[in-house]
Amino acid sequence: MNRLRHFTSRLSLTQLALSTLIISLGIRLITLPMYSLMDTTEARYGEMARIMFETQNWITPMFDYDVPFWGKPPLFAWLSAGGISLFGNNEFAVRVPHLFVGMLILTITYQFCVHAGKSVQEAMLSVAVLATSTAFIVISGAVMTDTALALGITLSMASFWLAFQHHSKLAGYLFFVGLAIGMLAKGPLTLVLIGISLCCWIVLDGRWRRVLHALPWVSGTMLMLAISLPWYMLAEFKTPGFLNYFLVGEHFMRFVVSGWEGDLYGTAHNEPRGTIWLYAAIAALPWTPLFFWQLVKRFRQGKENVTNTYAQYLWCWMLSPLLLFTFAGNILASYVLPGLPAFALLIALYQSENPLNTRAYLTGLTTPVLILFAALALNFNLTGKTAENALLTLWEKQPEARFVDLYYVGSRPFSAQYYSNGKAKRVSTDLQSTITDLEQPAFIVHAHTHSDDSTDMSLAQCQQRAESGKRVLLYCVPNNG
């Protein structure tokens, strides 16, 4: 530990930030293939990408074969399906495109900071803080929709500032490209989040007139529509009813109705109002305490008034997801992700104005170390959180696996769909009825349960071929007697 302190004391803050960034991204990259796709989110979206690649249906993500998924636009599936086309169907392939998107966010954040007139040290520190924020680095290496949404919002927010302050035509058009990316990642939520950020900032100093001339509103809107609208039209044409469910259900009912029963793909969340602020504090770890300490120091020194337009902009950007979801109960921790680039930029700004000891930023090394340990724990099944990979690897080795059906009794995890390449079918009958109704030999997976005498008699037709912590794999033949 003393040697580490001696070594880091010789590094400048820029060198420390760069080292932390490289370590964080390097560890996240090597951990991508180390653990299974986890139920439910990763396995669900990974299976949609696998089906998309298999069927070559690049318009509508499929919840299951012939079951369209109307809950999200397809950018997440395009990314993971593209990874499958390059690297085959495996955990690394479906995750690495999302990490690449995360790296694009880091690049935009760095360039924004530099072009906003800040030093290289401040820009490098901002991306190091962002890259080691818990939610950012975890979600960037996961099969989810949120990283692509954060990319669109980061591009739009960075571009708007440059277009507004420096009259950059390119930045003006990139603002609308960011909107289009967000529309293909998560839909009109993009417009709402960016609208809240910009409206709050504009109101603070009456910047309305300048905004009207800062962006190419007509041609930029046409560019955004040209990129995003064709998919919406094709999606409705392919599966009529999509627009009503997505625009009304996902963007209104889901927001205002906790535990929304109209959800076609699961159970809506029902969290206490205001939970998003707790999620934000957790998502920003390990930097949350340092951020509040910076604020305390500013108050003590009489710098609590936010008069700097750049700081105002970052605060409005950071707070927009929290303001939007404060009164929503149907939320997830990942919803704070679009505000994290602004959070990191604020920490770097406050460091430049009122420096803390460089060693305080060694905190960033905590995140990659914990990610490595978590990946190892998942790899060796030490966490109690399991996927169906292990059981289905044993299923795949059975000589009959290529020729007979695979049934899951009662419930079928999304990871079962993914790791069986779509062969796992769910049956709603109980174990005894499933075995009794067999007309052909089949593999049957069921949960560990206490069986009664009738089930024991049915099990006489079956051989146990494998077992996991939660489930048993049986090979059963019909009773023709």
Protein backbone atom coordinates (compact mmCIF):
# COMPACT_ATOMS: atom_id res chain seq x y z
CA MET A 1 0.00 0.00 0.00
CA ASN A 2 2.86 2.38 0.82
CA ARG A 3 4.45 1.63 -2.55
CA LEU A 4 1.14 2.37 -4.28
CA ARG A 5 0.82 5.68 -2.45
CA HIS A 6 4.41 6.58 -3.31
CA PHE A 7 3.85 5.72 -6.98
CA THR A 8 0.57 7.63 -7.28
CA SER A 9 1.99 10.65 -5.49
CA ARG A 10 4.41 11.04 -8.41
CA LEU A 11 1.57 11.10 -10.96
CA SER A 12 -0.10 14.29 -12.09
CA LEU A 13 -3.89 14.37 -11.92
CA THR A 14 -4.03 13.97 -15.70
CA GLN A 15 -1.80 10.88 -15.57
CA LEU A 16 -3.80 9.42 -12.69
CA ALA A 17 -7.08 10.01 -14.54
CA LEU A 18 -5.73 8.43 -17.73
CA SER A 19 -4.42 5.40 -15.83
CA THR A 20 -7.75 4.98 -14.05
CA LEU A 21 -9.63 5.24 -17.35
CA ILE A 22 -7.47 2.59 -19.04
CA ILE A 23 -7.71 0.22 -16.08
CA SER A 24 -11.48 0.60 -15.84
CA LEU A 25 -12.14 0.04 -19.54
CA GLY A 26 -9.58 -2.77 -19.73
CA ILE A 27 -11.11 -4.69 -16.85
CA ARG A 28 -14.63 -4.17 -18.17
CA LEU A 29 -13.56 -5.49 -21.56
CA ILE A 30 -11.95 -8.66 -20.24
CA THR A 31 -14.89 -9.40 -17.92
CA LEU A 32 -17.49 -9.32 -20.71
CA PRO A 33 -17.25 -13.07 -21.50
CA MET A 34 -16.62 -14.18 -17.91
CA TYR A 35 -20.22 -14.65 -16.77
CA SER A 36 -23.56 -15.66 -18.23
CA LEU A 37 -26.27 -13.34 -19.49
CA MET A 38 -28.30 -12.71 -16.38
CA ASP A 39 -32.07 -12.91 -16.06
CA THR A 40 -34.10 -11.05 -16.72
CA THR A 41 -32.92 -7.94 -18.59
CA GLU A 42 -29.70 -9.09 -20.23
CA ALA A 43 -30.97 -12.53 -21.20
CA ARG A 44 -34.21 -11.09 -22.57
CA TYR A 45 -32.51 -8.50 -24.76
CA GLY A 46 -29.76 -10.94 -25.73
CA GLU A 47 -32.38 -13.44 -26.91
CA MET A 48 -34.13 -10.75 -28.96
CA ALA A 49 -30.83 -9.97 -30.66
CA ARG A 50 -30.19 -13.67 -31.29
CA ILE A 51 -33.63 -14.10 -32.87
CA MET A 52 -33.08 -10.96 -34.96
CA PHE A 53 -29.82 -12.33 -36.31
CA GLU A 54 -31.27 -15.81 -36.89
CA THR A 55 -34.41 -14.62 -38.68
CA GLN A 56 -32.76 -11.60 -40.34
CA ASN A 57 -35.80 -9.56 -39.31
CA TRP A 58 -34.10 -6.23 -38.67
CA ILE A 59 -37.32 -4.25 -38.30
CA THR A 60 -39.18 -5.67 -35.30
CA PRO A 61 -37.40 -7.15 -32.27
CA MET A 62 -39.12 -10.39 -31.25
CA PHE A 63 -40.00 -11.25 -27.65
CA ASP A 64 -40.26 -14.85 -28.85
CA TYR A 65 -40.66 -16.39 -32.28
CA ASP A 66 -43.62 -14.65 -33.94
CA VAL A 67 -44.23 -12.50 -30.82
CA PRO A 68 -43.27 -8.87 -31.60
CA PHE A 69 -41.65 -6.77 -28.90
CA TRP A 70 -43.24 -3.32 -28.90
CA GLY A 71 -41.63 -2.09 -25.69
CA LYS A 72 -38.49 -0.49 -27.15
CA PRO A 73 -37.08 0.61 -30.51
CA PRO A 74 -34.53 -1.74 -32.09
CA LEU A 75 -31.16 -0.01 -31.61
CA PHE A 76 -30.19 -2.30 -28.69
CA ALA A 77 -31.00 -5.36 -30.82
CA TRP A 78 -29.16 -3.98 -33.85
CA LEU A 79 -26.06 -3.51 -31.71
CA SER A 80 -26.06 -6.99 -30.18
CA ALA A 81 -27.12 -8.72 -33.40
CA GLY A 82 -24.24 -6.93 -35.12
CA GLY A 83 -21.92 -8.30 -32.45
CA ILE A 84 -23.23 -11.81 -33.11
CA SER A 85 -22.56 -11.41 -36.83
CA LEU A 86 -18.94 -10.49 -36.07
CA PHE A 87 -18.04 -12.74 -33.14
CA GLY A 88 -20.64 -15.51 -33.09
CA ASN A 89 -23.37 -16.06 -30.53
CA ASN A 90 -21.73 -15.61 -27.12
CA GLU A 91 -21.68 -13.27 -24.15
CA PHE A 92 -18.80 -11.18 -25.47
CA ALA A 93 -20.49 -10.68 -28.83
CA VAL A 94 -23.78 -9.37 -27.47
CA ARG A 95 -22.14 -7.15 -24.85
CA VAL A 96 -19.14 -5.57 -26.57
CA PRO A 97 -21.13 -3.27 -28.93
CA HIS A 98 -22.71 -1.63 -25.87
CA LEU A 99 -19.27 -1.10 -24.32
CA PHE A 100 -18.18 0.48 -27.59
CA VAL A 101 -21.17 2.84 -27.32
CA GLY A 102 -20.04 3.68 -23.78
CA MET A 103 -16.60 4.55 -25.15
CA LEU A 104 -18.23 6.87 -27.68
CA ILE A 105 -19.97 8.63 -24.78
CA LEU A 106 -16.60 9.06 -23.06
CA THR A 107 -15.10 10.46 -26.27
CA ILE A 108 -17.95 12.97 -26.73
CA THR A 109 -17.67 14.00 -23.07
CA TYR A 110 -13.93 14.63 -23.47
CA GLN A 111 -14.34 16.59 -26.71
CA PHE A 112 -17.21 18.63 -25.26
CA CYS A 113 -15.12 19.63 -22.25
CA VAL A 114 -12.14 20.65 -24.39
CA HIS A 115 -14.25 22.59 -26.91
CA ALA A 116 -16.01 24.32 -24.04
CA GLY A 117 -12.64 25.93 -23.29
CA LYS A 118 -11.59 23.68 -20.41
CA SER A 119 -8.13 22.21 -19.85
CA VAL A 120 -7.01 18.75 -20.93
CA GLN A 121 -6.66 17.85 -17.25
CA GLU A 122 -10.29 18.76 -16.57
CA ALA A 123 -11.46 16.86 -19.64
CA MET A 124 -9.45 13.77 -18.74
CA LEU A 125 -10.67 13.83 -15.15
CA SER A 126 -14.29 14.07 -16.30
CA VAL A 127 -14.04 10.94 -18.46
CA ALA A 128 -12.17 9.06 -15.73
CA VAL A 129 -14.91 9.90 -13.22
CA LEU A 130 -17.60 8.90 -15.72
CA ALA A 131 -15.85 5.66 -16.66
CA THR A 132 -15.60 4.61 -13.02
CA SER A 133 -19.13 5.60 -11.98
CA THR A 134 -20.88 2.39 -11.01
CA ALA A 135 -23.96 2.68 -13.22
CA PHE A 136 -22.02 3.87 -16.26
CA ILE A 137 -19.37 1.17 -16.38
CA VAL A 138 -21.74 -1.65 -15.42
CA ILE A 139 -24.50 -0.69 -17.86
CA SER A 140 -22.04 0.09 -20.67
CA GLY A 141 -20.97 -3.54 -20.62
CA ALA A 142 -24.49 -4.95 -20.42
CA VAL A 143 -27.14 -5.82 -22.99
CA MET A 144 -29.55 -2.99 -22.24
CA THR A 145 -31.21 -0.06 -23.98
CA ASP A 146 -29.88 2.69 -21.72
CA THR A 147 -26.35 3.11 -23.07
CA ALA A 148 -27.60 3.93 -26.56
CA LEU A 149 -30.09 6.42 -25.08
CA ALA A 150 -27.27 8.04 -23.10
CA LEU A 151 -25.22 8.30 -26.30
CA GLY A 152 -28.00 10.20 -28.08
CA ILE A 153 -28.58 12.56 -25.16
CA THR A 154 -24.86 13.18 -24.60
CA LEU A 155 -24.34 13.97 -28.28
CA SER A 156 -27.33 16.33 -28.35
CA MET A 157 -26.45 18.14 -25.12
CA ALA A 158 -22.79 18.57 -26.08
CA SER A 159 -23.72 19.71 -29.58
CA PHE A 160 -26.31 22.20 -28.38
CA TRP A 161 -23.78 23.95 -26.14
CA LEU A 162 -21.24 24.23 -28.96
CA ALA A 163 -23.87 25.44 -31.42
CA PHE A 164 -25.20 27.98 -28.92
CA GLN A 165 -21.84 29.32 -27.74
CA HIS A 166 -19.70 28.98 -30.88
CA HIS A 167 -22.30 29.12 -33.67
CA SER A 168 -21.09 25.79 -35.06
CA LYS A 169 -23.29 24.57 -37.94
CA LEU A 170 -21.88 21.05 -37.64
CA ALA A 171 -22.74 20.97 -33.94
CA GLY A 172 -26.23 22.20 -34.79
CA TYR A 173 -26.86 19.24 -37.06
CA LEU A 174 -25.22 16.81 -34.65
CA PHE A 175 -27.79 17.91 -32.07
CA PHE A 176 -30.52 16.46 -34.28
CA VAL A 177 -28.47 13.34 -35.02
CA GLY A 178 -28.35 12.77 -31.26
CA LEU A 179 -32.13 13.13 -31.10
CA ALA A 180 -32.49 10.54 -33.86
CA ILE A 181 -30.20 8.11 -32.02
CA GLY A 182 -32.29 8.53 -28.89
CA MET A 183 -35.50 8.00 -30.85
CA LEU A 184 -34.13 4.69 -32.13
CA ALA A 185 -32.83 3.74 -28.69
CA LYS A 186 -35.81 4.51 -26.45
CA GLY A 187 -38.21 6.76 -28.29
CA PRO A 188 -39.77 10.16 -27.42
CA LEU A 189 -38.34 9.94 -23.88
CA THR A 190 -35.22 11.42 -25.52
CA LEU A 191 -37.08 14.58 -26.51
CA VAL A 192 -38.55 14.92 -23.02
CA LEU A 193 -35.23 14.58 -21.19
CA ILE A 194 -33.40 16.98 -23.49
CA GLY A 195 -36.38 19.35 -23.43
CA ILE A 196 -36.36 19.49 -19.62
CA SER A 197 -32.60 20.15 -19.56
CA LEU A 198 -32.69 22.92 -22.15
CA CYS A 199 -35.88 24.60 -20.91
CA CYS A 200 -34.52 24.79 -17.36
CA TRP A 201 -31.26 26.32 -18.59
CA ILE A 202 -32.97 28.75 -20.96
CA VAL A 203 -35.39 29.97 -18.28
CA LEU A 204 -32.53 30.71 -15.86
CA ASP A 205 -31.28 33.62 -17.95
CA GLY A 206 -33.95 34.31 -20.56
CA ARG A 207 -32.03 32.86 -23.49
CA TRP A 208 -35.12 32.19 -25.64
CA ARG A 209 -34.30 34.51 -28.52
CA ARG A 210 -30.75 33.27 -28.93
CA VAL A 211 -31.94 29.66 -28.99
CA LEU A 212 -34.19 30.39 -31.98
CA HIS A 213 -31.10 31.26 -34.02
CA ALA A 214 -28.66 28.77 -32.51
CA LEU A 215 -29.88 25.68 -34.33
CA PRO A 216 -31.03 24.81 -37.86
CA TRP A 217 -34.50 23.94 -36.60
CA VAL A 218 -36.21 23.18 -39.91
CA SER A 219 -33.45 21.32 -41.76
CA GLY A 220 -32.26 19.71 -38.52
CA THR A 221 -35.72 18.38 -37.76
CA MET A 222 -35.94 17.01 -41.29
CA LEU A 223 -32.58 15.28 -40.72
CA MET A 224 -33.81 13.73 -37.46
CA LEU A 225 -37.00 12.49 -39.12
CA ALA A 226 -35.10 11.13 -42.11
CA ILE A 227 -32.97 9.01 -39.76
CA SER A 228 -35.61 7.79 -37.31
CA LEU A 229 -39.08 8.02 -38.87
CA PRO A 230 -38.68 5.28 -41.52
CA TRP A 231 -38.24 2.64 -38.83
CA TYR A 232 -41.39 3.77 -36.98
CA MET A 233 -43.40 3.57 -40.19
CA LEU A 234 -42.01 0.15 -41.11
CA ALA A 235 -42.58 -1.18 -37.59
CA GLU A 236 -46.26 -0.18 -37.64
CA PHE A 237 -46.64 -1.63 -41.14
CA LYS A 238 -45.06 -4.94 -40.13
CA THR A 239 -46.96 -5.28 -36.83
CA PRO A 240 -50.02 -3.00 -36.66
CA GLY A 241 -50.74 -1.74 -33.16
CA PHE A 242 -47.11 -0.98 -32.34
CA LEU A 243 -47.47 2.82 -32.34
CA ASN A 244 -50.47 2.83 -30.00
CA TYR A 245 -48.81 0.52 -27.49
CA PHE A 246 -45.42 2.20 -27.65
CA LEU A 247 -46.49 5.85 -27.65
CA VAL A 248 -49.51 5.64 -25.35
CA GLY A 249 -48.68 2.60 -23.22
CA GLU A 250 -44.92 2.90 -22.78
CA HIS A 251 -44.73 6.70 -22.68
CA PHE A 252 -47.88 7.61 -20.78
CA MET A 253 -49.45 4.69 -18.94
CA ARG A 254 -46.14 3.28 -17.75
CA PHE A 255 -45.13 6.68 -16.41
CA VAL A 256 -48.33 7.64 -14.59
CA VAL A 257 -49.62 4.22 -13.46
CA SER A 258 -47.49 2.32 -10.93
CA GLY A 259 -47.66 -1.42 -11.53
CA TRP A 260 -49.24 -0.75 -14.95
CA GLU A 261 -51.22 -3.86 -15.84
CA GLY A 262 -51.12 -3.22 -19.57
CA ASP A 263 -47.48 -4.28 -19.79
CA LEU A 264 -47.34 -7.09 -22.35
CA TYR A 265 -43.88 -8.29 -21.40
CA GLY A 266 -43.73 -8.59 -17.64
CA THR A 267 -44.69 -6.80 -14.46
CA ALA A 268 -44.31 -3.04 -14.20
CA HIS A 269 -42.25 -1.78 -11.27
CA ASN A 270 -43.85 0.02 -8.36
CA GLU A 271 -41.31 2.03 -6.37
CA PRO A 272 -42.06 4.80 -3.84
CA ARG A 273 -42.14 8.29 -5.35
CA GLY A 274 -38.75 9.97 -5.18
CA THR A 275 -36.78 6.70 -5.27
CA ILE A 276 -34.96 7.96 -8.35
CA TRP A 277 -32.86 10.27 -6.11
CA LEU A 278 -31.65 7.31 -4.07
CA TYR A 279 -30.88 5.46 -7.29
CA ALA A 280 -28.87 8.45 -8.49
CA ALA A 281 -26.74 8.50 -5.33
CA ILE A 282 -26.01 4.79 -5.75
CA ALA A 283 -25.44 5.00 -9.50
CA ALA A 284 -22.80 7.72 -9.08
CA LEU A 285 -20.75 5.76 -6.54
CA PRO A 286 -17.92 5.87 -5.61
CA TRP A 287 -18.00 9.58 -6.44
CA THR A 288 -21.18 10.59 -4.59
CA PRO A 289 -19.44 11.46 -1.26
CA LEU A 290 -16.71 13.41 -3.06
CA PHE A 291 -19.29 15.39 -5.02
CA PHE A 292 -21.16 16.39 -1.88
CA TRP A 293 -17.88 17.26 -0.16
CA GLN A 294 -17.07 19.58 -3.06
CA LEU A 295 -20.46 21.24 -2.63
CA VAL A 296 -19.92 21.64 1.13
CA LYS A 297 -16.57 23.30 0.51
CA ARG A 298 -18.15 25.69 -1.98
CA PHE A 299 -20.85 26.69 0.51
CA ARG A 300 -18.25 27.29 3.21
CA GLN A 301 -16.25 29.48 0.88
CA GLY A 302 -19.29 31.46 -0.26
CA LYS A 303 -19.31 30.00 -3.79
CA GLU A 304 -22.71 28.39 -3.50
CA ASN A 305 -24.34 30.71 -6.09
CA VAL A 306 -24.28 29.07 -9.50
CA THR A 307 -23.72 32.01 -11.82
CA ASN A 308 -21.43 30.33 -14.31
CA THR A 309 -23.49 29.51 -17.41
CA TYR A 310 -21.45 26.34 -18.03
CA ALA A 311 -22.14 25.08 -14.50
CA GLN A 312 -25.81 25.96 -14.87
CA TYR A 313 -25.94 23.94 -18.08
CA LEU A 314 -24.37 20.90 -16.43
CA TRP A 315 -26.73 21.07 -13.45
CA CYS A 316 -29.79 21.22 -15.71
CA TRP A 317 -28.45 18.30 -17.75
CA MET A 318 -27.68 16.23 -14.66
CA LEU A 319 -30.99 16.85 -12.92
CA SER A 320 -33.35 16.33 -15.85
CA PRO A 321 -33.81 12.53 -15.38
CA LEU A 322 -34.32 13.04 -11.65
CA LEU A 323 -36.92 15.76 -12.16
CA LEU A 324 -38.79 13.69 -14.73
CA PHE A 325 -38.92 10.51 -12.67
CA THR A 326 -39.40 12.01 -9.20
CA PHE A 327 -43.15 11.43 -9.36
CA ALA A 328 -42.95 8.13 -11.24
CA GLY A 329 -43.14 4.79 -9.46
CA ASN A 330 -42.32 2.62 -12.46
CA ILE A 331 -38.57 3.25 -12.53
CA LEU A 332 -35.20 1.51 -12.64
CA ALA A 333 -31.77 2.62 -11.43
CA SER A 334 -30.56 2.77 -15.03
CA TYR A 335 -32.87 5.74 -15.70
CA VAL A 336 -30.30 8.11 -14.16
CA LEU A 337 -27.62 7.17 -16.71
CA PRO A 338 -28.24 10.08 -19.16
CA GLY A 339 -27.32 12.59 -16.43
CA LEU A 340 -24.04 10.96 -15.39
CA PRO A 341 -21.82 12.67 -18.03
CA ALA A 342 -22.90 16.04 -16.61
CA PHE A 343 -22.23 14.77 -13.08
CA ALA A 344 -18.67 13.82 -14.07
CA LEU A 345 -18.12 17.15 -15.81
CA LEU A 346 -19.26 18.99 -12.67
CA ILE A 347 -16.80 17.09 -10.48
CA ALA A 348 -13.99 17.98 -12.88
CA LEU A 349 -15.12 21.63 -12.99
CA TYR A 350 -15.18 21.91 -9.21
CA GLN A 351 -11.76 20.30 -9.00
CA SER A 352 -10.35 22.93 -11.37
CA GLU A 353 -11.91 25.74 -9.32
CA ASN A 354 -11.14 24.38 -5.85
CA PRO A 355 -8.62 21.51 -6.04
CA LEU A 356 -8.73 18.53 -3.73
CA ASN A 357 -5.69 16.37 -3.05
CA THR A 358 -4.92 14.22 -6.08
CA ARG A 359 -5.10 11.10 -3.91
CA ALA A 360 -8.84 11.67 -3.51
CA TYR A 361 -9.23 10.49 -7.09
CA LEU A 362 -7.70 7.10 -6.33
CA THR A 363 -11.30 6.39 -5.35
CA GLY A 364 -11.93 5.61 -8.99
CA LEU A 365 -9.88 2.41 -8.80
CA THR A 366 -12.51 0.96 -6.48
CA THR A 367 -14.99 0.37 -9.30
CA PRO A 368 -12.89 -1.74 -11.71
CA VAL A 369 -11.59 -3.84 -8.80
CA LEU A 370 -15.13 -4.56 -7.61
CA ILE A 371 -16.26 -5.35 -11.17
CA LEU A 372 -13.46 -7.86 -11.52
CA PHE A 373 -14.35 -9.56 -8.23
CA ALA A 374 -18.05 -9.57 -9.13
CA ALA A 375 -17.35 -11.13 -12.53
CA LEU A 376 -15.20 -13.82 -10.92
CA ALA A 377 -17.88 -14.50 -8.31
CA LEU A 378 -20.52 -14.87 -11.03
CA ASN A 379 -18.21 -17.05 -13.09
CA PHE A 380 -17.70 -19.48 -10.19
CA ASN A 381 -21.37 -19.33 -9.08
CA LEU A 382 -20.53 -17.77 -5.72
CA THR A 383 -23.33 -15.20 -5.71
CA GLY A 384 -26.44 -17.35 -5.75
CA LYS A 385 -27.58 -15.53 -8.93
CA THR A 386 -27.62 -18.11 -11.69
CA ALA A 387 -28.55 -18.36 -15.34
CA GLU A 388 -29.42 -21.47 -17.34
CA ASN A 389 -26.06 -21.63 -19.07
CA ALA A 390 -24.61 -24.45 -16.94
CA LEU A 391 -27.69 -26.67 -17.14
CA LEU A 392 -28.15 -26.15 -20.86
CA THR A 393 -24.48 -26.80 -21.55
CA LEU A 394 -25.08 -30.27 -20.09
CA TRP A 395 -28.32 -30.58 -22.09
CA GLU A 396 -26.46 -29.75 -25.30
CA LYS A 397 -24.05 -32.64 -24.67
CA GLN A 398 -26.86 -35.22 -24.52
CA PRO A 399 -26.96 -37.47 -27.61
CA GLU A 400 -30.71 -36.87 -28.04
CA ALA A 401 -30.51 -33.05 -27.77
CA ARG A 402 -30.50 -32.47 -31.53
CA PHE A 403 -33.57 -34.57 -32.21
CA VAL A 404 -36.13 -34.08 -29.42
CA ASP A 405 -37.98 -31.15 -27.90
CA LEU A 406 -36.97 -29.27 -24.75
CA TYR A 407 -39.76 -28.22 -22.39
CA TYR A 408 -39.69 -25.97 -19.32
CA VAL A 409 -42.48 -26.69 -16.88
CA GLY A 410 -44.20 -23.68 -15.35
CA SER A 411 -41.65 -20.95 -16.04
CA ARG A 412 -38.97 -20.54 -18.65
CA PRO A 413 -36.23 -17.98 -17.88
CA PHE A 414 -35.08 -15.78 -20.72
CA SER A 415 -31.61 -17.26 -20.32
CA ALA A 416 -33.12 -20.66 -21.15
CA GLN A 417 -34.32 -19.27 -24.47
CA TYR A 418 -30.95 -17.73 -25.21
CA TYR A 419 -28.72 -20.64 -24.20
CA SER A 420 -30.89 -23.22 -25.97
CA ASN A 421 -30.84 -21.14 -29.19
CA GLY A 422 -34.59 -20.74 -28.96
CA LYS A 423 -35.37 -24.46 -28.56
CA ALA A 424 -36.69 -24.25 -25.00
CA LYS A 425 -40.49 -24.18 -24.98
CA ARG A 426 -42.65 -23.29 -22.01
CA VAL A 427 -45.55 -25.58 -21.02
CA SER A 428 -48.20 -24.38 -18.60
CA THR A 429 -49.18 -27.83 -17.31
CA ASP A 430 -47.64 -29.34 -14.19
CA LEU A 431 -44.83 -31.88 -14.30
CA GLN A 432 -47.07 -34.96 -14.05
CA SER A 433 -49.40 -33.81 -16.84
CA THR A 434 -46.50 -32.82 -19.06
CA ILE A 435 -44.95 -36.28 -18.76
CA THR A 436 -48.31 -38.06 -19.16
CA ASP A 437 -49.20 -36.09 -22.29
CA LEU A 438 -45.94 -36.84 -24.10
CA GLU A 439 -46.33 -38.36 -27.54
CA GLN A 440 -42.63 -38.28 -28.39
CA PRO A 441 -39.46 -38.45 -26.25
CA ALA A 442 -38.50 -35.06 -24.85
CA PHE A 443 -36.27 -33.27 -22.40
CA ILE A 444 -38.17 -31.69 -19.53
CA VAL A 445 -36.78 -29.11 -17.12
CA HIS A 446 -38.58 -28.53 -13.86
CA ALA A 447 -37.88 -26.76 -10.60
CA HIS A 448 -36.81 -28.65 -7.49
CA THR A 449 -40.06 -29.55 -5.76
CA HIS A 450 -41.43 -32.08 -3.37
CA SER A 451 -43.29 -34.62 -5.50
CA ASP A 452 -46.33 -36.70 -4.57
CA ASP A 453 -46.94 -40.38 -5.35
CA SER A 454 -48.58 -39.74 -8.72
CA THR A 455 -45.65 -37.59 -9.85
CA ASP A 456 -43.22 -40.28 -8.68
CA MET A 457 -45.04 -42.79 -10.86
CA SER A 458 -44.76 -40.47 -13.87
CA LEU A 459 -41.06 -39.96 -13.19
CA ALA A 460 -40.56 -43.67 -13.81
CA GLN A 461 -40.71 -42.77 -17.49
CA CYS A 462 -37.80 -40.35 -17.07
CA GLN A 463 -34.06 -40.33 -16.50
CA GLN A 464 -32.38 -37.46 -14.68
CA ARG A 465 -29.61 -36.22 -16.96
CA ALA A 466 -28.44 -33.05 -15.19
CA GLU A 467 -29.15 -30.76 -12.28
CA SER A 468 -28.50 -27.16 -11.30
CA GLY A 469 -29.12 -25.26 -8.11
CA LYS A 470 -32.73 -24.53 -9.10
CA ARG A 471 -33.75 -27.03 -11.76
CA VAL A 472 -33.53 -30.65 -12.93
CA LEU A 473 -33.12 -31.86 -16.52
CA LEU A 474 -35.07 -35.04 -17.30
CA TYR A 475 -35.16 -37.17 -20.42
CA CYS A 476 -38.62 -38.70 -20.66
CA VAL A 477 -40.24 -41.16 -23.05
CA PRO A 478 -44.00 -41.59 -23.55
CA ASN A 479 -45.77 -44.41 -21.80
CA ASN A 480 -47.17 -46.40 -24.69
CA GLY A 481 -48.54 -49.05 -22.40
